[in-house]
Amino acid sequence: MDGKDEFKVKSYNTKELAEHYRIAPKVMRRWLMPLKSELGIRIGNYYSTKQVRIIIRHLGKPGR
């Protein structure tokens, strides 16, 4: 990722997270399934910043 696409911890939906990890949304959902109990429920279609931090802890920072 270049500087303008630097990943920032904020609320994201599944499609946006998948774009940052450069995978299909379907694959992103599969990767997140084992984290479901730890992540809890989403607010609408978005993962909160706390949930995004949990995702990063398990999957690593996007773009690495």
N, C-alpha and C. Protein backbone atom coordinates (compact mmCIF):
# COMPACT_ATOMS: atom_id res chain seq x y z
N MET A 1 0.84 -1.19 0.00
CA MET A 1 0.00 0.00 0.00
C MET A 1 0.88 1.24 0.00
N ASP A 2 0.46 2.21 -0.77
CA ASP A 2 1.22 3.46 -0.72
C ASP A 2 0.69 4.33 0.41
N GLY A 3 1.31 5.46 0.64
CA GLY A 3 0.99 6.32 1.77
C GLY A 3 -0.47 6.74 1.86
N LYS A 4 -1.10 6.99 0.72
CA LYS A 4 -2.49 7.44 0.77
C LYS A 4 -3.46 6.34 1.17
N ASP A 5 -3.04 5.08 1.06
CA ASP A 5 -3.89 3.96 1.43
C ASP A 5 -3.51 3.38 2.79
N GLU A 6 -2.77 4.13 3.59
CA GLU A 6 -2.35 3.65 4.91
C GLU A 6 -3.57 3.23 5.72
N PHE A 7 -3.48 2.08 6.35
CA PHE A 7 -4.60 1.54 7.13
C PHE A 7 -4.75 2.29 8.43
N LYS A 8 -5.96 2.76 8.69
CA LYS A 8 -6.29 3.45 9.94
C LYS A 8 -7.31 2.62 10.68
N VAL A 9 -7.15 2.52 12.01
CA VAL A 9 -8.12 1.79 12.81
C VAL A 9 -9.36 2.67 12.97
N LYS A 10 -10.45 2.23 12.38
CA LYS A 10 -11.75 2.89 12.45
C LYS A 10 -12.80 1.84 12.14
N SER A 11 -14.05 2.22 12.10
CA SER A 11 -15.12 1.28 11.77
C SER A 11 -15.05 0.92 10.29
N TYR A 12 -15.18 -0.37 10.00
CA TYR A 12 -15.18 -0.87 8.62
C TYR A 12 -16.27 -1.91 8.46
N ASN A 13 -16.80 -2.03 7.24
CA ASN A 13 -17.67 -3.15 6.95
C ASN A 13 -16.82 -4.28 6.36
N THR A 14 -17.42 -5.42 6.10
CA THR A 14 -16.67 -6.59 5.62
C THR A 14 -15.99 -6.30 4.29
N LYS A 15 -16.68 -5.64 3.38
CA LYS A 15 -16.11 -5.35 2.06
C LYS A 15 -14.89 -4.45 2.17
N GLU A 16 -14.97 -3.44 3.02
CA GLU A 16 -13.84 -2.52 3.19
C GLU A 16 -12.64 -3.24 3.80
N LEU A 17 -12.88 -4.09 4.81
CA LEU A 17 -11.78 -4.86 5.40
C LEU A 17 -11.15 -5.77 4.35
N ALA A 18 -11.98 -6.43 3.56
CA ALA A 18 -11.48 -7.32 2.51
C ALA A 18 -10.60 -6.56 1.52
N GLU A 19 -10.99 -5.36 1.17
CA GLU A 19 -10.19 -4.55 0.25
C GLU A 19 -8.82 -4.24 0.85
N HIS A 20 -8.78 -3.93 2.13
CA HIS A 20 -7.50 -3.65 2.78
C HIS A 20 -6.61 -4.89 2.84
N TYR A 21 -7.22 -6.06 3.06
CA TYR A 21 -6.45 -7.30 3.11
C TYR A 21 -6.22 -7.89 1.72
N ARG A 22 -6.81 -7.24 0.70
CA ARG A 22 -6.67 -7.66 -0.70
C ARG A 22 -7.16 -9.08 -0.92
N ILE A 23 -8.35 -9.34 -0.39
CA ILE A 23 -9.02 -10.62 -0.57
C ILE A 23 -10.49 -10.37 -0.90
N ALA A 24 -11.18 -11.40 -1.31
CA ALA A 24 -12.61 -11.27 -1.61
C ALA A 24 -13.40 -11.18 -0.30
N PRO A 25 -14.51 -10.46 -0.31
CA PRO A 25 -15.35 -10.38 0.89
C PRO A 25 -15.75 -11.75 1.43
N LYS A 26 -15.98 -12.71 0.54
CA LYS A 26 -16.35 -14.07 0.95
C LYS A 26 -15.23 -14.71 1.77
N VAL A 27 -14.00 -14.49 1.35
CA VAL A 27 -12.84 -15.01 2.09
C VAL A 27 -12.71 -14.30 3.44
N MET A 28 -12.96 -12.99 3.45
CA MET A 28 -12.90 -12.22 4.70
C MET A 28 -13.90 -12.77 5.70
N ARG A 29 -15.12 -13.05 5.26
CA ARG A 29 -16.12 -13.62 6.15
C ARG A 29 -15.67 -14.96 6.70
N ARG A 30 -15.04 -15.77 5.86
CA ARG A 30 -14.53 -17.08 6.30
C ARG A 30 -13.43 -16.91 7.34
N TRP A 31 -12.53 -15.94 7.13
CA TRP A 31 -11.44 -15.69 8.09
C TRP A 31 -11.98 -15.20 9.42
N LEU A 32 -13.11 -14.47 9.39
CA LEU A 32 -13.66 -13.89 10.62
C LEU A 32 -14.54 -14.87 11.40
N MET A 33 -14.96 -15.95 10.77
CA MET A 33 -15.84 -16.91 11.45
C MET A 33 -15.27 -17.42 12.78
N PRO A 34 -14.00 -17.82 12.85
CA PRO A 34 -13.46 -18.30 14.13
C PRO A 34 -13.40 -17.21 15.22
N LEU A 35 -13.48 -15.95 14.82
CA LEU A 35 -13.41 -14.84 15.77
C LEU A 35 -14.79 -14.36 16.21
N LYS A 36 -15.84 -14.99 15.70
CA LYS A 36 -17.20 -14.51 15.93
C LYS A 36 -17.52 -14.29 17.41
N SER A 37 -17.19 -15.25 18.26
CA SER A 37 -17.54 -15.10 19.68
C SER A 37 -16.73 -13.98 20.34
N GLU A 38 -15.48 -13.81 19.93
CA GLU A 38 -14.66 -12.74 20.50
C GLU A 38 -15.08 -11.36 19.98
N LEU A 39 -15.49 -11.30 18.73
CA LEU A 39 -15.89 -10.02 18.13
C LEU A 39 -17.24 -9.54 18.65
N GLY A 40 -18.14 -10.46 18.94
CA GLY A 40 -19.47 -10.06 19.37
C GLY A 40 -20.29 -9.57 18.19
N ILE A 41 -21.35 -8.83 18.50
CA ILE A 41 -22.24 -8.37 17.43
C ILE A 41 -21.73 -7.06 16.82
N ARG A 42 -22.08 -6.87 15.55
CA ARG A 42 -21.72 -5.63 14.87
C ARG A 42 -22.82 -4.61 15.06
N ILE A 43 -22.46 -3.36 14.92
CA ILE A 43 -23.42 -2.27 14.90
C ILE A 43 -23.80 -2.06 13.44
N GLY A 44 -24.98 -2.49 13.05
CA GLY A 44 -25.35 -2.44 11.64
C GLY A 44 -24.45 -3.38 10.86
N ASN A 45 -23.85 -2.86 9.81
CA ASN A 45 -22.95 -3.67 8.97
C ASN A 45 -21.48 -3.41 9.30
N TYR A 46 -21.21 -2.62 10.31
CA TYR A 46 -19.84 -2.20 10.59
C TYR A 46 -19.26 -2.85 11.83
N TYR A 47 -17.96 -3.12 11.76
CA TYR A 47 -17.20 -3.56 12.92
C TYR A 47 -16.69 -2.30 13.62
N SER A 48 -16.80 -2.25 14.93
CA SER A 48 -16.34 -1.09 15.70
C SER A 48 -14.81 -1.05 15.70
N THR A 49 -14.26 0.06 16.17
CA THR A 49 -12.79 0.16 16.24
C THR A 49 -12.23 -0.92 17.17
N LYS A 50 -12.94 -1.23 18.25
CA LYS A 50 -12.50 -2.29 19.16
C LYS A 50 -12.47 -3.64 18.43
N GLN A 51 -13.49 -3.92 17.64
CA GLN A 51 -13.53 -5.16 16.88
C GLN A 51 -12.44 -5.20 15.82
N VAL A 52 -12.18 -4.07 15.18
CA VAL A 52 -11.12 -4.00 14.16
C VAL A 52 -9.76 -4.29 14.81
N ARG A 53 -9.54 -3.80 16.02
CA ARG A 53 -8.28 -4.09 16.73
C ARG A 53 -8.15 -5.59 17.00
N ILE A 54 -9.24 -6.25 17.35
CA ILE A 54 -9.22 -7.70 17.57
C ILE A 54 -8.88 -8.42 16.27
N ILE A 55 -9.47 -7.98 15.17
CA ILE A 55 -9.19 -8.58 13.86
C ILE A 55 -7.72 -8.42 13.52
N ILE A 56 -7.16 -7.24 13.73
CA ILE A 56 -5.74 -7.00 13.44
C ILE A 56 -4.86 -7.87 14.32
N ARG A 57 -5.24 -8.03 15.57
CA ARG A 57 -4.45 -8.87 16.49
C ARG A 57 -4.37 -10.31 15.97
N HIS A 58 -5.45 -10.80 15.38
CA HIS A 58 -5.48 -12.19 14.90
C HIS A 58 -4.96 -12.34 13.48
N LEU A 59 -5.25 -11.39 12.61
CA LEU A 59 -4.89 -11.52 11.20
C LEU A 59 -3.66 -10.72 10.80
N GLY A 60 -3.20 -9.83 11.67
CA GLY A 60 -2.09 -8.96 11.31
C GLY A 60 -2.62 -7.70 10.65
N LYS A 61 -1.75 -6.72 10.54
CA LYS A 61 -2.13 -5.44 9.93
C LYS A 61 -2.19 -5.63 8.42
N PRO A 62 -3.24 -5.12 7.76
CA PRO A 62 -3.35 -5.25 6.30
C PRO A 62 -2.15 -4.60 5.61
N GLY A 63 -1.79 -5.17 4.47
CA GLY A 63 -0.73 -4.60 3.66
C GLY A 63 0.66 -5.06 4.05
N ARG A 64 0.75 -6.01 4.97
CA ARG A 64 2.07 -6.51 5.37
C ARG A 64 2.35 -7.84 4.76
